[in-house]
């Protein structure tokens, strides 16, 4: 708008145009008198702050108001005289005069401008030249423009034009009519695809006619060449044999293409002009194309699909790899709806209450199921479309072969004034021509060719060469009629279902592995398997029934030059000579025959990935953009309000991971025990692995992936009893910390593998002793206690805020708990923390916490969630390296001087209890014979990473207990915390340990190295080499043999009886320091009066239960899971109740009991 407003003043005043009635009316508020003129000189300020119109040389009465009245009277009198002198009008029937006013010119408009109007125009031009399309409304620019327009003369044509521009801009800010509406009917995809465009609900609906993209203007011959002859001469693979794909593309890419074409095209048997599926990429091959088909796919309970099946019958006649992909989407959908119900964002998926009347209860459960199902479908389709755009389409144009993050994403937000035709979410109607464009039969592999031949033999009992067209149609009709309507009852590739209805994972993965390794065929002439001869003949006859345009007409429609010679279509004489015989002229070559037998493009990195024929290469990109950009559910209605925060996050792509490719999410969610987090088979399944190896070696990324074939990893062995846990953790020879060592080596290189927790034996025991001596220096207890009792109140003062009266509130997890441990680690290990006191630091508290938390997760959690592991490791490595290099600089300075260097000082807090403690610890490590590099990467950084997030989680769980199930103990904790005595602190320690026991979730992973049987209570657990073993302390906490009366908080349990810090050689080295630190924190938080959770969900620690009593936690946006607590707000009344410092008797007052 601003650009248009400013451009009005640039136009020359060549002619006076007449205003429209509406425009004239818009300007009728002006008096119509002469415009005010700009004057020179220094104006006198009026009392209102505005400059007077005339310079004043003396002070006196202000007669401007009187003068204005006099001038107006004289002007009116002049008009009366002028009117009286007019001659009679003989040009109109009733003798009336023409009352139209002539418009003033640009010169008059410029004279009317004030100084502030020129400033407004300057502001307008500045905004237009800026990079942002968003206006800063704090500048009041719109209001100033209104002032400018209002000040122009009433006869100004510029005034009229500016008013039109303003109205146009304000009108254009809202859609007319709206593209999106509220309610389930519009928020969810309809089963038949209707209401994608809410203005025209039948666009793209199943059961509607195909569109026509290109007008067939050329007069075509009749009769046309026999379709069988066309196939035999220029299409059949028997004319020269199989041609392998030049870029080593896998059959998996063409399986995705098969799903896409069956998603958008299903020609009616009764009327070839009708498509019985929607014109949208809505995964209808999985979900069904109408309500009946959809209902057959659903369990109608908890939003789930029937397991391991799909709706589209036609795809049962395709190689099993196609169905395996749909089964993966089926599993992903069911995973999604379980997650949605568990997270229950804002109570959106709350199960109905039992006390409802039966009729309302039934309706409520139906809605509950439908809300979960429909939202799960939106999310699953979100992953589907991202796979198409970020994996499939990138491979088509060769972007998988370069280190580029660019992709052709039609969902890009464009300026509102962009070229007409690029609107988003307006719907789509698939065209008949594209039914032909997507028939990529030349690319069928030899393996799938053989599979198709065997299918003919299975159905007809004889070779495909012996099956007539009539037999084929009758046989396929019978086969479809015999296929059960219930997808769960259909046979799939001869695989057997279990009692739960699921297919065997090994069978599915074996089929997928073979499909990924299967080399596809090349596009172009004479490469279609002969077994598809009848199918191709039917395709050509169908195209003729649709009266499609010719190949050249189709090319011209997409801006491509038409083929002038047959050799332009295909440069091979064996092909173009037969084209000449079949079609006589290049302009008469039929669309389908031409699409198949054109020359294929040569591979180009990037640009040409799958080497399609020329015309297909251009047209499929247009179709991809149209299919995606036209779909309301991928554009205007693709947002967290519809998909939930978690759903959008779960399926989104990350350009820092595989340049955005997301196929691995589908594989790993469907088969978490088969595909490793970095399996090349999962990450790049559309190119055969041997070619991927060449690509990744060239790009320097080969080491990021595992090149092993997928195999089933044995289920994790869970050990839950005291005897079982002890037998694992005290037998280091059999149960090693292999996962920890791999994580340490990945993040910190060879020195990381020398960390004290990276192994067992004398070497690692010595490393442990070195760190122990450094941590537990003289007066360490006092240093740690004093530091935490200092930092917690400081953080409370900084981050808490008053919410009314004497009530204060703070996010105790994010701003106090996590930050306190970050400050401690930063001071002990010289980490570059940026605070108000240390502005020269590098990381904020929250940034440094995240870095240290990621270090912990990568090292100690490994691939607990394989679908997230790859991205987490990809993010963790660079941030760990950056932090380590900064710490190494600090330690290097310490090693070269007996004084703490100035650079180190910038990362240390002034006047804190740990300043000297941390310096001495570093020096002690250096004296132990470790070099600077080894000290940092094998001791300091892994120790810091091991302690912060873990200790923050423990204290968060303690608070969660005492604010919830244990809240009756808060008054006594409050009383003890205020005493500030050693005796009271000891009791608080017991409260701490009981809180940890009650709500703590602890466990550790080990890798078995020998065949062994573990006695785990009444169970005998067999372990083999390579098995992952997880020992859990959760159930031990409620074991009455270890903790009598386990449901009760008891303060008489011996401190040494608590197993919360582990058992064996890898028991937590910092256990003693942790108890001191966390007791001090409980003391500082516990002395707050009327301590309680904040009201509503913000006061809750959002936890998602996992197997064995463990949890993951949701972030504050409810968008993603995290292993550690992320947020929980608390309230209290009054101040911080900081104690008066205790002094020696006789030297001052003593605070205490």
Foldseek 3Di string as FASTA:
>chain_A
DLVQLLVLLVDAFPDWDFDDPVLLVVLPVFPLDAAQAQDDDDFDQDPVRDGDRDHDDDDDDDCPVVVVVVVVVVVVVVVVVVVVPDDFDPPDPVRDDDPGDTADTSVSLVRNDDPVLVVLNVVSVVVVPDPDPDDDCVVVSVVSVVVSLNSGRSRHPSSSSSVVVVVVVVVLVADVVHQADDDPVGLFAALQRFCLRVVGRCFQGFFDFFDFLFDAPDDFDPPAFQLLVLCVQKAALVPPHFFFFPLQWFCLLLLLLVQVLLQQADADPVHRRGGRAGRFLLSCQAQNNHDVLNVLQPPLALLAGQALFGRHPVCLLAQLLSSLLSNLLNLQLRVQSVVCCQQCVVVVLPQDDPPDPPVVNVVRRSVSNVLSNRLSSLLSSLLVLLQCFVFNQCLQQQVLLALDLDTPDLQDDDDSPPDPPSAFSNHHRHHPLVSLLSPQQLFAFPVRLVVNQVVCCVQPVDGLVPQDLVNVVVSVVVVVVPADSNRLPGDHPNFDADPSSYTDPVVSLVSLLVRLQTTTTAAAINRRHPSCSSVSSVVVVSLVVVVHHAQQSLQVSLVHHQDFALCQQPVDCSNSVVVCVRQVGSRNHHNNSSQRHGAFDDQDNGGGNRRGHDSSSRVVVVVSSCNQRNRCSNHVSVDCVSNNLQSCLLSFFDCLFSSGNQQLLSVCSSQVQWAFLFAPCRRRSRRNLVSVCVSCVVNVRNVLHDDDRTDGADDAAEFEFPQLQQVQQACQVFWWLCLLLVLLCLQQNPLRCQALRNTDDDSSLVNLVLLLPLCDDPCNLVQLLQQLLPQQQVQCVVAWDDPDDQKIKGWCLARRLLLSLLLVLCQQQLFQEDDPQQNVGDHHSNRSSVLLQLSQCSNFVPPVPSSCRSVSSSVNRVSSVVRLVVSLVQLVVLVVDVDRDPVSVSSHGPPGSCNVSNSSSSVSSVVVVDDSSSCRSRPSSSVSSNPRQVLSQLLVQLVQCCQPVVVVCLVVLLVLLLQPDPVSLLLLLLSSLLSCLVRNWDKGKIFGQAFDWGCRDPDTDTDHGGHIYMYTCNSVSQDCVLPNPSVDRDSPDDPVSRCSQHDHPPRDSCPVSSSSSSSSVSSQQSNFAPKHFDPDPQQHFAWRDDPPRATWGAAPSSHDTHNGTHTHMMMGGHDRSSHDDADDPPPDDGRRD
